[in-house]
mmCIF file of all heavy atoms, coordinates in Angstrom:
data_MODEL
# 
_entry.id   MODEL 
# 
loop_
_atom_site.group_PDB 
_atom_site.id 
_atom_site.type_symbol 
_atom_site.label_atom_id 
_atom_site.label_alt_id 
_atom_site.label_comp_id 
_atom_site.label_asym_id 
_atom_site.label_entity_id 
_atom_site.label_seq_id 
_atom_site.pdbx_PDB_ins_code 
_atom_site.Cartn_x 
_atom_site.Cartn_y 
_atom_site.Cartn_z 
_atom_site.occupancy 
_atom_site.B_iso_or_equiv 
_atom_site.pdbx_formal_charge 
_atom_site.auth_seq_id 
_atom_site.auth_comp_id 
_atom_site.auth_asym_id 
_atom_site.auth_atom_id 
_atom_site.pdbx_PDB_model_num 
ATOM 1   N N   . ILE A 1 1  ? 0.819  -1.213 0.000  1.00 0.00 ? 1  ILE A N   1 
ATOM 2   C CA  . ILE A 1 1  ? 0.000  0.000  0.000  1.00 0.00 ? 1  ILE A CA  1 
ATOM 3   C C   . ILE A 1 1  ? 0.852  1.263  0.000  1.00 0.00 ? 1  ILE A C   1 
ATOM 4   O O   . ILE A 1 1  ? 0.326  2.356  -0.205 1.00 0.00 ? 1  ILE A O   1 
ATOM 5   C CB  . ILE A 1 1  ? -0.978 0.043  1.187  1.00 0.00 ? 1  ILE A CB  1 
ATOM 6   C CG1 . ILE A 1 1  ? -0.253 0.294  2.511  1.00 0.00 ? 1  ILE A CG1 1 
ATOM 7   C CG2 . ILE A 1 1  ? -1.799 -1.238 1.248  1.00 0.00 ? 1  ILE A CG2 1 
ATOM 8   C CD1 . ILE A 1 1  ? -1.196 0.501  3.685  1.00 0.00 ? 1  ILE A CD1 1 
ATOM 9   N N   . TYR A 1 2  ? 2.134  1.127  0.230  1.00 0.00 ? 2  TYR A N   1 
ATOM 10  C CA  . TYR A 1 2  ? 3.026  2.275  0.327  1.00 0.00 ? 2  TYR A CA  1 
ATOM 11  C C   . TYR A 1 2  ? 3.832  2.474  -0.950 1.00 0.00 ? 2  TYR A C   1 
ATOM 12  O O   . TYR A 1 2  ? 4.407  1.522  -1.479 1.00 0.00 ? 2  TYR A O   1 
ATOM 13  C CB  . TYR A 1 2  ? 4.004  2.110  1.490  1.00 0.00 ? 2  TYR A CB  1 
ATOM 14  C CG  . TYR A 1 2  ? 3.366  1.994  2.838  1.00 0.00 ? 2  TYR A CG  1 
ATOM 15  C CD1 . TYR A 1 2  ? 3.187  0.761  3.444  1.00 0.00 ? 2  TYR A CD1 1 
ATOM 16  C CD2 . TYR A 1 2  ? 2.951  3.134  3.523  1.00 0.00 ? 2  TYR A CD2 1 
ATOM 17  C CE1 . TYR A 1 2  ? 2.600  0.653  4.693  1.00 0.00 ? 2  TYR A CE1 1 
ATOM 18  C CE2 . TYR A 1 2  ? 2.361  3.034  4.773  1.00 0.00 ? 2  TYR A CE2 1 
ATOM 19  C CZ  . TYR A 1 2  ? 2.190  1.789  5.350  1.00 0.00 ? 2  TYR A CZ  1 
ATOM 20  O OH  . TYR A 1 2  ? 1.613  1.696  6.593  1.00 0.00 ? 2  TYR A OH  1 
ATOM 21  N N   . ALA A 1 3  ? 3.868  3.706  -1.393 1.00 0.00 ? 3  ALA A N   1 
ATOM 22  C CA  . ALA A 1 3  ? 4.952  4.093  -2.280 1.00 0.00 ? 3  ALA A CA  1 
ATOM 23  C C   . ALA A 1 3  ? 6.227  4.157  -1.452 1.00 0.00 ? 3  ALA A C   1 
ATOM 24  O O   . ALA A 1 3  ? 6.186  4.455  -0.254 1.00 0.00 ? 3  ALA A O   1 
ATOM 25  C CB  . ALA A 1 3  ? 4.673  5.445  -2.931 1.00 0.00 ? 3  ALA A CB  1 
ATOM 26  N N   . MET A 1 4  ? 7.345  3.865  -2.070 1.00 0.00 ? 4  MET A N   1 
ATOM 27  C CA  . MET A 1 4  ? 8.609  3.805  -1.350 1.00 0.00 ? 4  MET A CA  1 
ATOM 28  C C   . MET A 1 4  ? 9.642  4.689  -2.026 1.00 0.00 ? 4  MET A C   1 
ATOM 29  O O   . MET A 1 4  ? 9.602  4.908  -3.235 1.00 0.00 ? 4  MET A O   1 
ATOM 30  C CB  . MET A 1 4  ? 9.130  2.371  -1.282 1.00 0.00 ? 4  MET A CB  1 
ATOM 31  C CG  . MET A 1 4  ? 8.207  1.395  -0.565 1.00 0.00 ? 4  MET A CG  1 
ATOM 32  S SD  . MET A 1 4  ? 7.989  1.788  1.191  1.00 0.00 ? 4  MET A SD  1 
ATOM 33  C CE  . MET A 1 4  ? 9.676  1.620  1.793  1.00 0.00 ? 4  MET A CE  1 
ATOM 34  N N   . GLY A 1 5  ? 10.578 5.153  -1.232 1.00 0.00 ? 5  GLY A N   1 
ATOM 35  C CA  . GLY A 1 5  ? 11.620 5.991  -1.791 1.00 0.00 ? 5  GLY A CA  1 
ATOM 36  C C   . GLY A 1 5  ? 12.906 5.908  -0.999 1.00 0.00 ? 5  GLY A C   1 
ATOM 37  O O   . GLY A 1 5  ? 12.969 5.310  0.077  1.00 0.00 ? 5  GLY A O   1 
ATOM 38  N N   . TRP A 1 6  ? 13.919 6.512  -1.579 1.00 0.00 ? 6  TRP A N   1 
ATOM 39  C CA  . TRP A 1 6  ? 15.215 6.641  -0.924 1.00 0.00 ? 6  TRP A CA  1 
ATOM 40  C C   . TRP A 1 6  ? 15.623 8.104  -0.899 1.00 0.00 ? 6  TRP A C   1 
ATOM 41  O O   . TRP A 1 6  ? 15.479 8.822  -1.893 1.00 0.00 ? 6  TRP A O   1 
ATOM 42  C CB  . TRP A 1 6  ? 16.294 5.837  -1.646 1.00 0.00 ? 6  TRP A CB  1 
ATOM 43  C CG  . TRP A 1 6  ? 16.154 4.355  -1.506 1.00 0.00 ? 6  TRP A CG  1 
ATOM 44  C CD1 . TRP A 1 6  ? 15.513 3.504  -2.345 1.00 0.00 ? 6  TRP A CD1 1 
ATOM 45  C CD2 . TRP A 1 6  ? 16.694 3.547  -0.460 1.00 0.00 ? 6  TRP A CD2 1 
ATOM 46  N NE1 . TRP A 1 6  ? 15.610 2.214  -1.888 1.00 0.00 ? 6  TRP A NE1 1 
ATOM 47  C CE2 . TRP A 1 6  ? 16.331 2.209  -0.735 1.00 0.00 ? 6  TRP A CE2 1 
ATOM 48  C CE3 . TRP A 1 6  ? 17.448 3.819  0.682  1.00 0.00 ? 6  TRP A CE3 1 
ATOM 49  C CZ2 . TRP A 1 6  ? 16.698 1.147  0.095  1.00 0.00 ? 6  TRP A CZ2 1 
ATOM 50  C CZ3 . TRP A 1 6  ? 17.807 2.767  1.506  1.00 0.00 ? 6  TRP A CZ3 1 
ATOM 51  C CH2 . TRP A 1 6  ? 17.432 1.446  1.205  1.00 0.00 ? 6  TRP A CH2 1 
ATOM 52  N N   . PHE A 1 7  ? 16.133 8.521  0.239  1.00 0.00 ? 7  PHE A N   1 
ATOM 53  C CA  . PHE A 1 7  ? 16.685 9.846  0.429  1.00 0.00 ? 7  PHE A CA  1 
ATOM 54  C C   . PHE A 1 7  ? 18.119 9.707  0.906  1.00 0.00 ? 7  PHE A C   1 
ATOM 55  O O   . PHE A 1 7  ? 18.533 8.639  1.356  1.00 0.00 ? 7  PHE A O   1 
ATOM 56  C CB  . PHE A 1 7  ? 15.874 10.634 1.462  1.00 0.00 ? 7  PHE A CB  1 
ATOM 57  C CG  . PHE A 1 7  ? 14.471 10.974 1.031  1.00 0.00 ? 7  PHE A CG  1 
ATOM 58  C CD1 . PHE A 1 7  ? 13.487 10.002 0.961  1.00 0.00 ? 7  PHE A CD1 1 
ATOM 59  C CD2 . PHE A 1 7  ? 14.137 12.281 0.704  1.00 0.00 ? 7  PHE A CD2 1 
ATOM 60  C CE1 . PHE A 1 7  ? 12.200 10.309 0.574  1.00 0.00 ? 7  PHE A CE1 1 
ATOM 61  C CE2 . PHE A 1 7  ? 12.845 12.608 0.315  1.00 0.00 ? 7  PHE A CE2 1 
ATOM 62  C CZ  . PHE A 1 7  ? 11.883 11.624 0.244  1.00 0.00 ? 7  PHE A CZ  1 
ATOM 63  N N   . ARG A 1 8  ? 18.856 10.786 0.835  1.00 0.00 ? 8  ARG A N   1 
ATOM 64  C CA  . ARG A 1 8  ? 20.203 10.768 1.375  1.00 0.00 ? 8  ARG A CA  1 
ATOM 65  C C   . ARG A 1 8  ? 20.542 12.129 1.961  1.00 0.00 ? 8  ARG A C   1 
ATOM 66  O O   . ARG A 1 8  ? 20.002 13.150 1.555  1.00 0.00 ? 8  ARG A O   1 
ATOM 67  C CB  . ARG A 1 8  ? 21.234 10.371 0.316  1.00 0.00 ? 8  ARG A CB  1 
ATOM 68  C CG  . ARG A 1 8  ? 21.474 11.416 -0.763 1.00 0.00 ? 8  ARG A CG  1 
ATOM 69  C CD  . ARG A 1 8  ? 22.398 10.859 -1.834 1.00 0.00 ? 8  ARG A CD  1 
ATOM 70  N NE  . ARG A 1 8  ? 22.820 11.887 -2.773 1.00 0.00 ? 8  ARG A NE  1 
ATOM 71  C CZ  . ARG A 1 8  ? 23.535 11.653 -3.861 1.00 0.00 ? 8  ARG A CZ  1 
ATOM 72  N NH1 . ARG A 1 8  ? 23.924 10.406 -4.142 1.00 0.00 ? 8  ARG A NH1 1 
ATOM 73  N NH2 . ARG A 1 8  ? 23.881 12.648 -4.663 1.00 0.00 ? 8  ARG A NH2 1 
ATOM 74  N N   . GLN A 1 9  ? 21.450 12.113 2.912  1.00 0.00 ? 9  GLN A N   1 
ATOM 75  C CA  . GLN A 1 9  ? 21.893 13.345 3.531  1.00 0.00 ? 9  GLN A CA  1 
ATOM 76  C C   . GLN A 1 9  ? 23.368 13.246 3.878  1.00 0.00 ? 9  GLN A C   1 
ATOM 77  O O   . GLN A 1 9  ? 23.786 12.334 4.589  1.00 0.00 ? 9  GLN A O   1 
ATOM 78  C CB  . GLN A 1 9  ? 21.082 13.671 4.786  1.00 0.00 ? 9  GLN A CB  1 
ATOM 79  C CG  . GLN A 1 9  ? 21.380 15.047 5.352  1.00 0.00 ? 9  GLN A CG  1 
ATOM 80  C CD  . GLN A 1 9  ? 20.344 15.499 6.358  1.00 0.00 ? 9  GLN A CD  1 
ATOM 81  O OE1 . GLN A 1 9  ? 19.643 14.684 6.949  1.00 0.00 ? 9  GLN A OE1 1 
ATOM 82  N NE2 . GLN A 1 9  ? 20.236 16.796 6.554  1.00 0.00 ? 9  GLN A NE2 1 
ATOM 83  N N   . ALA A 1 10 ? 24.126 14.179 3.364  1.00 0.00 ? 10 ALA A N   1 
ATOM 84  C CA  . ALA A 1 10 ? 25.540 14.280 3.658  1.00 0.00 ? 10 ALA A CA  1 
ATOM 85  C C   . ALA A 1 10 ? 25.756 15.383 4.685  1.00 0.00 ? 10 ALA A C   1 
ATOM 86  O O   . ALA A 1 10 ? 24.947 16.310 4.790  1.00 0.00 ? 10 ALA A O   1 
ATOM 87  C CB  . ALA A 1 10 ? 26.329 14.576 2.389  1.00 0.00 ? 10 ALA A CB  1 
ATOM 88  N N   . PRO A 1 11 ? 26.843 15.312 5.440  1.00 0.00 ? 11 PRO A N   1 
ATOM 89  C CA  . PRO A 1 11 ? 27.121 16.371 6.417  1.00 0.00 ? 11 PRO A CA  1 
ATOM 90  C C   . PRO A 1 11 ? 27.163 17.742 5.760  1.00 0.00 ? 11 PRO A C   1 
ATOM 91  O O   . PRO A 1 11 ? 27.804 17.927 4.722  1.00 0.00 ? 11 PRO A O   1 
ATOM 92  C CB  . PRO A 1 11 ? 28.490 15.975 6.970  1.00 0.00 ? 11 PRO A CB  1 
ATOM 93  C CG  . PRO A 1 11 ? 28.555 14.499 6.787  1.00 0.00 ? 11 PRO A CG  1 
ATOM 94  C CD  . PRO A 1 11 ? 27.842 14.240 5.493  1.00 0.00 ? 11 PRO A CD  1 
ATOM 95  N N   . GLY A 1 12 ? 26.466 18.678 6.359  1.00 0.00 ? 12 GLY A N   1 
ATOM 96  C CA  . GLY A 1 12 ? 26.450 20.035 5.852  1.00 0.00 ? 12 GLY A CA  1 
ATOM 97  C C   . GLY A 1 12 ? 25.548 20.264 4.663  1.00 0.00 ? 12 GLY A C   1 
ATOM 98  O O   . GLY A 1 12 ? 25.521 21.375 4.118  1.00 0.00 ? 12 GLY A O   1 
ATOM 99  N N   . LYS A 1 13 ? 24.816 19.248 4.246  1.00 0.00 ? 13 LYS A N   1 
ATOM 100 C CA  . LYS A 1 13 ? 23.922 19.381 3.108  1.00 0.00 ? 13 LYS A CA  1 
ATOM 101 C C   . LYS A 1 13 ? 22.491 19.056 3.504  1.00 0.00 ? 13 LYS A C   1 
ATOM 102 O O   . LYS A 1 13 ? 22.242 18.374 4.491  1.00 0.00 ? 13 LYS A O   1 
ATOM 103 C CB  . LYS A 1 13 ? 24.360 18.461 1.969  1.00 0.00 ? 13 LYS A CB  1 
ATOM 104 C CG  . LYS A 1 13 ? 25.675 18.847 1.316  1.00 0.00 ? 13 LYS A CG  1 
ATOM 105 C CD  . LYS A 1 13 ? 25.920 18.013 0.076  1.00 0.00 ? 13 LYS A CD  1 
ATOM 106 C CE  . LYS A 1 13 ? 27.166 18.453 -0.658 1.00 0.00 ? 13 LYS A CE  1 
ATOM 107 N NZ  . LYS A 1 13 ? 27.385 17.665 -1.898 1.00 0.00 ? 13 LYS A NZ  1 
ATOM 108 N N   . GLU A 1 14 ? 21.577 19.554 2.704  1.00 0.00 ? 14 GLU A N   1 
ATOM 109 C CA  . GLU A 1 14 ? 20.175 19.242 2.909  1.00 0.00 ? 14 GLU A CA  1 
ATOM 110 C C   . GLU A 1 14 ? 19.876 17.811 2.484  1.00 0.00 ? 14 GLU A C   1 
ATOM 111 O O   . GLU A 1 14 ? 20.592 17.213 1.680  1.00 0.00 ? 14 GLU A O   1 
ATOM 112 C CB  . GLU A 1 14 ? 19.295 20.209 2.113  1.00 0.00 ? 14 GLU A CB  1 
ATOM 113 C CG  . GLU A 1 14 ? 19.396 21.658 2.538  1.00 0.00 ? 14 GLU A CG  1 
ATOM 114 C CD  . GLU A 1 14 ? 18.485 22.562 1.740  1.00 0.00 ? 14 GLU A CD  1 
ATOM 115 O OE1 . GLU A 1 14 ? 17.738 22.058 0.885  1.00 0.00 ? 14 GLU A OE1 1 
ATOM 116 O OE2 . GLU A 1 14 ? 18.519 23.776 1.972  1.00 0.00 ? 14 GLU A OE2 1 
ATOM 117 N N   . ARG A 1 15 ? 18.807 17.285 3.037  1.00 0.00 ? 15 ARG A N   1 
ATOM 118 C CA  . ARG A 1 15 ? 18.356 15.969 2.614  1.00 0.00 ? 15 ARG A CA  1 
ATOM 119 C C   . ARG A 1 15 ? 17.937 16.016 1.155  1.00 0.00 ? 15 ARG A C   1 
ATOM 120 O O   . ARG A 1 15 ? 17.232 16.934 0.722  1.00 0.00 ? 15 ARG A O   1 
ATOM 121 C CB  . ARG A 1 15 ? 17.187 15.519 3.493  1.00 0.00 ? 15 ARG A CB  1 
ATOM 122 C CG  . ARG A 1 15 ? 16.676 14.116 3.203  1.00 0.00 ? 15 ARG A CG  1 
ATOM 123 C CD  . ARG A 1 15 ? 15.564 13.748 4.149  1.00 0.00 ? 15 ARG A CD  1 
ATOM 124 N NE  . ARG A 1 15 ? 14.420 14.642 4.015  1.00 0.00 ? 15 ARG A NE  1 
ATOM 125 C CZ  . ARG A 1 15 ? 13.356 14.620 4.802  1.00 0.00 ? 15 ARG A CZ  1 
ATOM 126 N NH1 . ARG A 1 15 ? 13.286 13.747 5.794  1.00 0.00 ? 15 ARG A NH1 1 
ATOM 127 N NH2 . ARG A 1 15 ? 12.353 15.477 4.600  1.00 0.00 ? 15 ARG A NH2 1 
ATOM 128 N N   . GLU A 1 16 ? 18.341 15.021 0.398  1.00 0.00 ? 16 GLU A N   1 
ATOM 129 C CA  . GLU A 1 16 ? 18.048 14.945 -1.016 1.00 0.00 ? 16 GLU A CA  1 
ATOM 130 C C   . GLU A 1 16 ? 17.117 13.779 -1.311 1.00 0.00 ? 16 GLU A C   1 
ATOM 131 O O   . GLU A 1 16 ? 17.303 12.682 -0.788 1.00 0.00 ? 16 GLU A O   1 
ATOM 132 C CB  . GLU A 1 16 ? 19.332 14.759 -1.831 1.00 0.00 ? 16 GLU A CB  1 
ATOM 133 C CG  . GLU A 1 16 ? 20.315 15.905 -1.742 1.00 0.00 ? 16 GLU A CG  1 
ATOM 134 C CD  . GLU A 1 16 ? 21.569 15.634 -2.550 1.00 0.00 ? 16 GLU A CD  1 
ATOM 135 O OE1 . GLU A 1 16 ? 22.158 14.545 -2.390 1.00 0.00 ? 16 GLU A OE1 1 
ATOM 136 O OE2 . GLU A 1 16 ? 21.948 16.515 -3.348 1.00 0.00 ? 16 GLU A OE2 1 
ATOM 137 N N   . PHE A 1 17 ? 16.153 14.033 -2.149 1.00 0.00 ? 17 PHE A N   1 
ATOM 138 C CA  . PHE A 1 17 ? 15.254 13.000 -2.633 1.00 0.00 ? 17 PHE A CA  1 
ATOM 139 C C   . PHE A 1 17 ? 15.940 12.306 -3.804 1.00 0.00 ? 17 PHE A C   1 
ATOM 140 O O   . PHE A 1 17 ? 16.166 12.917 -4.851 1.00 0.00 ? 17 PHE A O   1 
ATOM 141 C CB  . PHE A 1 17 ? 13.933 13.628 -3.044 1.00 0.00 ? 17 PHE A CB  1 
ATOM 142 C CG  . PHE A 1 17 ? 12.873 12.681 -3.523 1.00 0.00 ? 17 PHE A CG  1 
ATOM 143 C CD1 . PHE A 1 17 ? 12.794 11.376 -3.062 1.00 0.00 ? 17 PHE A CD1 1 
ATOM 144 C CD2 . PHE A 1 17 ? 11.920 13.119 -4.426 1.00 0.00 ? 17 PHE A CD2 1 
ATOM 145 C CE1 . PHE A 1 17 ? 11.804 10.518 -3.498 1.00 0.00 ? 17 PHE A CE1 1 
ATOM 146 C CE2 . PHE A 1 17 ? 10.919 12.273 -4.868 1.00 0.00 ? 17 PHE A CE2 1 
ATOM 147 C CZ  . PHE A 1 17 ? 10.856 10.975 -4.406 1.00 0.00 ? 17 PHE A CZ  1 
ATOM 148 N N   . VAL A 1 18 ? 16.247 11.045 -3.629 1.00 0.00 ? 18 VAL A N   1 
ATOM 149 C CA  . VAL A 1 18 ? 17.031 10.310 -4.610 1.00 0.00 ? 18 VAL A CA  1 
ATOM 150 C C   . VAL A 1 18 ? 16.144 9.618  -5.633 1.00 0.00 ? 18 VAL A C   1 
ATOM 151 O O   . VAL A 1 18 ? 16.348 9.743  -6.845 1.00 0.00 ? 18 VAL A O   1 
ATOM 152 C CB  . VAL A 1 18 ? 17.942 9.275  -3.922 1.00 0.00 ? 18 VAL A CB  1 
ATOM 153 C CG1 . VAL A 1 18 ? 18.698 8.439  -4.955 1.00 0.00 ? 18 VAL A CG1 1 
ATOM 154 C CG2 . VAL A 1 18 ? 18.916 9.976  -2.982 1.00 0.00 ? 18 VAL A CG2 1 
ATOM 155 N N   . THR A 1 19 ? 15.167 8.868  -5.140 1.00 0.00 ? 19 THR A N   1 
ATOM 156 C CA  . THR A 1 19 ? 14.354 8.054  -6.029 1.00 0.00 ? 19 THR A CA  1 
ATOM 157 C C   . THR A 1 19 ? 13.093 7.604  -5.323 1.00 0.00 ? 19 THR A C   1 
ATOM 158 O O   . THR A 1 19 ? 13.052 7.507  -4.101 1.00 0.00 ? 19 THR A O   1 
ATOM 159 C CB  . THR A 1 19 ? 15.159 6.829  -6.526 1.00 0.00 ? 19 THR A CB  1 
ATOM 160 O OG1 . THR A 1 19 ? 14.373 6.034  -7.416 1.00 0.00 ? 19 THR A OG1 1 
ATOM 161 C CG2 . THR A 1 19 ? 15.618 5.959  -5.348 1.00 0.00 ? 19 THR A CG2 1 
ATOM 162 N N   . GLY A 1 20 ? 12.064 7.320  -6.102 1.00 0.00 ? 20 GLY A N   1 
ATOM 163 C CA  . GLY A 1 20 ? 10.819 6.810  -5.563 1.00 0.00 ? 20 GLY A CA  1 
ATOM 164 C C   . GLY A 1 20 ? 10.212 5.790  -6.497 1.00 0.00 ? 20 GLY A C   1 
ATOM 165 O O   . GLY A 1 20 ? 10.493 5.781  -7.702 1.00 0.00 ? 20 GLY A O   1 
ATOM 166 N N   . ILE A 1 21 ? 9.376  4.942  -5.941 1.00 0.00 ? 21 ILE A N   1 
ATOM 167 C CA  . ILE A 1 21 ? 8.741  3.879  -6.711 1.00 0.00 ? 21 ILE A CA  1 
ATOM 168 C C   . ILE A 1 21 ? 7.296  3.735  -6.255 1.00 0.00 ? 21 ILE A C   1 
ATOM 169 O O   . ILE A 1 21 ? 6.990  3.820  -5.069 1.00 0.00 ? 21 ILE A O   1 
ATOM 170 C CB  . ILE A 1 21 ? 9.526  2.550  -6.573 1.00 0.00 ? 21 ILE A CB  1 
ATOM 171 C CG1 . ILE A 1 21 ? 8.976  1.473  -7.509 1.00 0.00 ? 21 ILE A CG1 1 
ATOM 172 C CG2 . ILE A 1 21 ? 9.540  2.069  -5.124 1.00 0.00 ? 21 ILE A CG2 1 
ATOM 173 C CD1 . ILE A 1 21 ? 9.899  0.254  -7.612 1.00 0.00 ? 21 ILE A CD1 1 
ATOM 174 N N   . SER A 1 22 ? 6.416  3.524  -7.201 1.00 0.00 ? 22 SER A N   1 
ATOM 175 C CA  . SER A 1 22 ? 5.001  3.402  -6.905 1.00 0.00 ? 22 SER A CA  1 
ATOM 176 C C   . SER A 1 22 ? 4.697  2.077  -6.220 1.00 0.00 ? 22 SER A C   1 
ATOM 177 O O   . SER A 1 22 ? 5.545  1.189  -6.112 1.00 0.00 ? 22 SER A O   1 
ATOM 178 C CB  . SER A 1 22 ? 4.176  3.549  -8.181 1.00 0.00 ? 22 SER A CB  1 
ATOM 179 O OG  . SER A 1 22 ? 4.507  2.542  -9.120 1.00 0.00 ? 22 SER A OG  1 
ATOM 180 N N   . ARG A 1 23 ? 3.465  1.941  -5.758 1.00 0.00 ? 23 ARG A N   1 
ATOM 181 C CA  . ARG A 1 23 ? 3.073  0.787  -4.952 1.00 0.00 ? 23 ARG A CA  1 
ATOM 182 C C   . ARG A 1 23 ? 3.362  -0.548 -5.614 1.00 0.00 ? 23 ARG A C   1 
ATOM 183 O O   . ARG A 1 23 ? 3.848  -1.482 -4.962 1.00 0.00 ? 23 ARG A O   1 
ATOM 184 C CB  . ARG A 1 23 ? 1.583  0.876  -4.622 1.00 0.00 ? 23 ARG A CB  1 
ATOM 185 C CG  . ARG A 1 23 ? 1.230  1.958  -3.621 1.00 0.00 ? 23 ARG A CG  1 
ATOM 186 C CD  . ARG A 1 23 ? -0.263 2.155  -3.564 1.00 0.00 ? 23 ARG A CD  1 
ATOM 187 N NE  . ARG A 1 23 ? -0.651 3.064  -2.490 1.00 0.00 ? 23 ARG A NE  1 
ATOM 188 C CZ  . ARG A 1 23 ? -1.860 3.553  -2.332 1.00 0.00 ? 23 ARG A CZ  1 
ATOM 189 N NH1 . ARG A 1 23 ? -2.827 3.225  -3.188 1.00 0.00 ? 23 ARG A NH1 1 
ATOM 190 N NH2 . ARG A 1 23 ? -2.118 4.376  -1.330 1.00 0.00 ? 23 ARG A NH2 1 
ATOM 191 N N   . LEU A 1 24 ? 3.068  -0.639 -6.890 1.00 0.00 ? 24 LEU A N   1 
ATOM 192 C CA  . LEU A 1 24 ? 3.271  -1.892 -7.601 1.00 0.00 ? 24 LEU A CA  1 
ATOM 193 C C   . LEU A 1 24 ? 4.599  -1.943 -8.343 1.00 0.00 ? 24 LEU A C   1 
ATOM 194 O O   . LEU A 1 24 ? 4.906  -2.953 -8.980 1.00 0.00 ? 24 LEU A O   1 
ATOM 195 C CB  . LEU A 1 24 ? 2.120  -2.136 -8.571 1.00 0.00 ? 24 LEU A CB  1 
ATOM 196 C CG  . LEU A 1 24 ? 0.740  -2.261 -7.934 1.00 0.00 ? 24 LEU A CG  1 
ATOM 197 C CD1 . LEU A 1 24 ? -0.316 -2.504 -9.003 1.00 0.00 ? 24 LEU A CD1 1 
ATOM 198 C CD2 . LEU A 1 24 ? 0.719  -3.384 -6.901 1.00 0.00 ? 24 LEU A CD2 1 
# 
């Protein structure tokens, strides 16, 4: 039921949206 994604954060940087995938 969840869309899923990956984020990343390096020291001194904002969180970045890397990728996402739909439910199926």
